[in-house]
């Protein structure tokens, strides 16, 4: 398998490694309450975005892609821009039952969005093979949530002091801040057409 890898694929794997690292340090924060772990996650996720942008650029520059490229990219993206932001939110205090359901919804939307893109990319491509527009927001837009969480960390508005507090809905807790994940996930699976640069 390694013989089929192109340089762009290794960069894509860098994306996945950054996302996985962000998940692991987020879990470490829950265990240790060491805020440095959260700052590490907040650095790793933009690095994942850099890798995500570079892999396509390198593939075009080298005019070489592997048969694994598109699938690797989608799988790396779901880790870095789906699972990792959800894990970060959970680590920072979105731990109610309703919050967990919302975080699962968000990840499911990210997976669905990537699957739809993979299936429809050929039909949405122009004569040069370039996709003309995205249907629904691209999954890396979830970094907007990461930015909001980073600001919350900076101001100490996490865990018990999380922005917007907590509500008891039935026997379970909902932190209204988790609703940003509903908005992001819903936008990913929407039919809004977003021109691709």
Protein backbone atom coordinates (compact mmCIF):
# COMPACT_ATOMS: atom_id res chain seq x y z
CA UNK A 1 0.00 0.00 0.00
CA UNK A 2 2.76 2.47 0.87
CA UNK A 3 4.09 2.20 -2.69
CA UNK A 4 0.86 3.71 -3.99
CA UNK A 5 1.15 6.79 -1.75
CA UNK A 6 1.95 10.11 -3.38
CA UNK A 7 3.50 13.03 -1.49
CA UNK A 8 0.04 14.63 -1.31
CA UNK A 9 -1.25 11.53 0.49
CA UNK A 10 1.39 11.90 3.19
CA UNK A 11 0.30 15.50 3.70
CA UNK A 12 -3.32 14.30 3.94
CA UNK A 13 -2.22 11.85 6.63
CA UNK A 14 -0.65 14.85 8.41
CA UNK A 15 -4.15 16.34 8.49
CA UNK A 16 -5.49 13.15 10.11
CA UNK A 17 -2.62 13.00 12.60
CA UNK A 18 -3.26 16.61 13.68
CA UNK A 19 -6.96 15.88 14.13
CA UNK A 20 -6.29 12.70 16.09
CA UNK A 21 -3.77 14.55 18.25
CA UNK A 22 -6.41 17.19 19.00
CA UNK A 23 -8.84 14.47 20.11
CA UNK A 24 -6.22 12.86 22.35
CA UNK A 25 -5.12 16.08 24.03
CA UNK A 26 -8.78 17.04 24.54
CA UNK A 27 -9.31 13.75 26.37
CA UNK A 28 -6.14 14.37 28.34
CA UNK A 29 -7.54 17.75 29.44
CA UNK A 30 -10.66 16.01 30.81
CA UNK A 31 -8.40 13.70 32.83
CA UNK A 32 -5.89 16.30 34.05
CA UNK A 33 -7.53 19.77 33.76
CA UNK A 34 -4.18 20.94 32.32
CA UNK A 35 -5.19 23.91 30.14
CA UNK A 36 -2.00 23.51 28.08
CA UNK A 37 -3.64 20.43 26.56
CA UNK A 38 -6.49 22.54 25.23
CA UNK A 39 -4.08 25.08 23.77
CA UNK A 40 -2.34 22.18 22.01
CA UNK A 41 -5.67 21.12 20.47
CA UNK A 42 -6.36 24.69 19.43
CA UNK A 43 -3.03 24.75 17.57
CA UNK A 44 -3.35 21.28 16.01
CA UNK A 45 -6.69 21.95 14.32
CA UNK A 46 -5.52 24.94 12.24
CA UNK A 47 -2.44 22.87 11.35
CA UNK A 48 -4.83 20.20 10.07
CA UNK A 49 -6.41 22.88 7.86
CA UNK A 50 -2.98 23.81 6.49
CA UNK A 51 -2.38 20.16 5.58
CA UNK A 52 -5.86 19.97 4.03
CA UNK A 53 -5.10 22.96 1.81
CA UNK A 54 -1.59 21.80 0.93
CA UNK A 55 -2.40 18.25 -0.18
CA UNK A 56 -4.41 19.38 -3.21
CA UNK A 57 -1.86 22.04 -4.08
CA UNK A 58 0.98 19.51 -3.96
CA UNK A 59 -0.98 16.97 -6.03
CA UNK A 60 -1.60 19.59 -8.74
CA UNK A 61 2.00 20.83 -8.61
CA UNK A 62 3.45 17.35 -8.97
CA UNK A 63 0.68 16.34 -11.39
CA UNK A 64 0.51 13.10 -9.50
CA UNK A 65 -2.29 11.68 -7.44
CA UNK A 66 -2.90 8.25 -6.03
CA UNK A 67 -6.06 6.16 -6.20
CA UNK A 68 -6.36 6.68 -2.45
CA UNK A 69 -6.26 10.49 -2.51
CA UNK A 70 -9.94 11.43 -2.47
CA UNK A 71 -10.91 8.83 0.11
CA UNK A 72 -7.94 9.67 2.32
CA UNK A 73 -8.89 13.33 2.20
CA UNK A 74 -12.49 12.68 3.27
CA UNK A 75 -11.48 10.35 6.08
CA UNK A 76 -8.87 12.80 7.38
CA UNK A 77 -11.39 15.65 7.20
CA UNK A 78 -13.98 13.84 9.28
CA UNK A 79 -11.40 13.26 12.00
CA UNK A 80 -9.98 16.80 12.00
CA UNK A 81 -13.08 18.87 11.27
CA UNK A 82 -15.80 16.60 12.62
CA UNK A 83 -14.71 14.37 15.49
CA UNK A 84 -11.98 16.67 16.86
CA UNK A 85 -14.18 19.80 17.22
CA UNK A 86 -16.86 17.63 18.86
CA UNK A 87 -14.30 16.16 21.28
CA UNK A 88 -13.01 19.65 22.03
CA UNK A 89 -16.51 20.91 22.83
CA UNK A 90 -17.13 17.92 25.10
CA UNK A 91 -13.81 18.46 26.87
CA UNK A 92 -14.59 22.13 27.49
CA UNK A 93 -17.89 21.44 29.21
CA UNK A 94 -20.56 20.44 26.69
CA UNK A 95 -21.13 17.19 28.55
CA UNK A 96 -24.88 17.06 29.09
CA UNK A 97 -26.91 14.29 27.49
CA UNK A 98 -28.50 16.76 25.05
CA UNK A 99 -25.05 18.17 24.28
CA UNK A 100 -23.76 14.68 23.49
CA UNK A 101 -26.70 14.05 21.16
CA UNK A 102 -25.96 17.35 19.41
CA UNK A 103 -22.26 16.53 19.07
CA UNK A 104 -23.17 13.15 17.53
CA UNK A 105 -25.58 14.92 15.15
CA UNK A 106 -22.78 17.31 14.14
CA UNK A 107 -20.36 14.47 13.35
CA UNK A 108 -23.08 12.58 11.43
CA UNK A 109 -23.74 15.72 9.37
CA UNK A 110 -20.03 16.02 8.59
CA UNK A 111 -19.86 12.41 7.44
CA UNK A 112 -23.01 12.84 5.34
CA UNK A 113 -21.69 16.02 3.75
CA UNK A 114 -18.41 14.39 2.76
CA UNK A 115 -20.18 11.32 1.39
CA UNK A 116 -22.51 13.53 -0.69
CA UNK A 117 -19.52 15.46 -2.05
CA UNK A 118 -17.68 12.27 -3.00
CA UNK A 119 -20.73 10.90 -4.81
CA UNK A 120 -21.66 14.12 -6.63
CA UNK A 121 -18.19 15.60 -7.35
CA UNK A 122 -18.05 14.18 -10.88
CA UNK A 123 -21.50 15.52 -11.74
CA UNK A 124 -20.65 18.97 -10.35
CA UNK A 125 -17.34 19.23 -12.24
CA UNK A 126 -16.65 21.40 -15.27
CA UNK A 127 -14.82 20.27 -18.41
CA UNK A 128 -11.44 20.52 -16.62
CA UNK A 129 -12.65 18.30 -13.79
CA UNK A 130 -12.88 21.18 -11.31
CA UNK A 131 -15.91 21.26 -9.03
CA UNK A 132 -17.85 24.48 -9.66
CA UNK A 133 -19.54 24.82 -6.28
CA UNK A 134 -20.02 23.16 -2.92
CA UNK A 135 -23.44 21.94 -1.90
CA UNK A 136 -23.65 22.81 1.78
CA UNK A 137 -20.81 24.37 3.71
CA UNK A 138 -17.47 22.51 3.53
CA UNK A 139 -16.61 20.61 6.71
CA UNK A 140 -13.49 22.73 7.47
CA UNK A 141 -15.87 25.61 8.27
CA UNK A 142 -16.27 23.87 11.62
CA UNK A 143 -13.06 25.67 12.57
CA UNK A 144 -15.32 28.67 13.22
CA UNK A 145 -16.62 26.70 16.23
CA UNK A 146 -13.03 25.99 17.26
CA UNK A 147 -12.35 29.73 17.13
CA UNK A 148 -15.35 30.43 19.38
CA UNK A 149 -14.13 27.76 21.82
CA UNK A 150 -10.63 29.23 21.72
CA UNK A 151 -12.02 32.64 22.70
CA UNK A 152 -13.98 30.97 25.51
CA UNK A 153 -10.78 29.32 26.75
CA UNK A 154 -8.93 32.64 26.63
CA UNK A 155 -11.61 34.29 28.80
CA UNK A 156 -11.96 31.30 31.15
CA UNK A 157 -15.57 30.66 30.07
CA UNK A 158 -15.36 26.88 30.00
CA UNK A 159 -16.47 23.96 32.15
CA UNK A 160 -18.76 25.28 34.93
CA UNK A 161 -18.44 28.87 33.65
CA UNK A 162 -19.26 28.05 30.02
CA UNK A 163 -20.93 30.79 27.98
CA UNK A 164 -24.74 30.83 28.06
CA UNK A 165 -24.86 28.50 31.09
CA UNK A 166 -26.90 25.30 31.24
CA UNK A 167 -30.57 24.37 31.01
CA UNK A 168 -32.36 21.34 32.40
CA UNK A 169 -34.65 19.96 29.73
CA UNK A 170 -36.46 17.03 31.23
CA UNK A 171 -34.03 14.83 33.12
CA UNK A 172 -31.06 15.97 31.01
CA UNK A 173 -28.83 19.03 30.69
CA UNK A 174 -28.33 21.20 27.61
CA UNK A 175 -25.69 23.88 27.31
CA UNK A 176 -27.10 26.40 24.79
CA UNK A 177 -23.58 26.94 23.41
CA UNK A 178 -23.81 23.45 21.91
CA UNK A 179 -26.45 24.78 19.49
CA UNK A 180 -23.63 26.25 17.37
CA UNK A 181 -22.90 22.62 16.44
CA UNK A 182 -26.52 22.18 15.30
CA UNK A 183 -26.18 25.27 13.09
CA UNK A 184 -22.85 24.14 11.63
CA UNK A 185 -24.03 20.58 10.99
CA UNK A 186 -27.28 21.76 9.43
CA UNK A 187 -25.40 24.11 7.10
CA UNK A 188 -23.15 21.23 5.99
CA UNK A 189 -26.09 19.09 4.90
CA UNK A 190 -28.06 21.98 3.42
CA UNK A 191 -28.50 22.46 -0.31
CA UNK A 192 -27.00 25.96 -0.31
CA UNK A 193 -24.65 26.37 -3.25
CA UNK A 194 -21.33 27.89 -2.32
CA UNK A 195 -19.00 28.79 -5.24
CA UNK A 196 -15.69 26.95 -5.04
CA UNK A 197 -12.65 29.21 -5.46
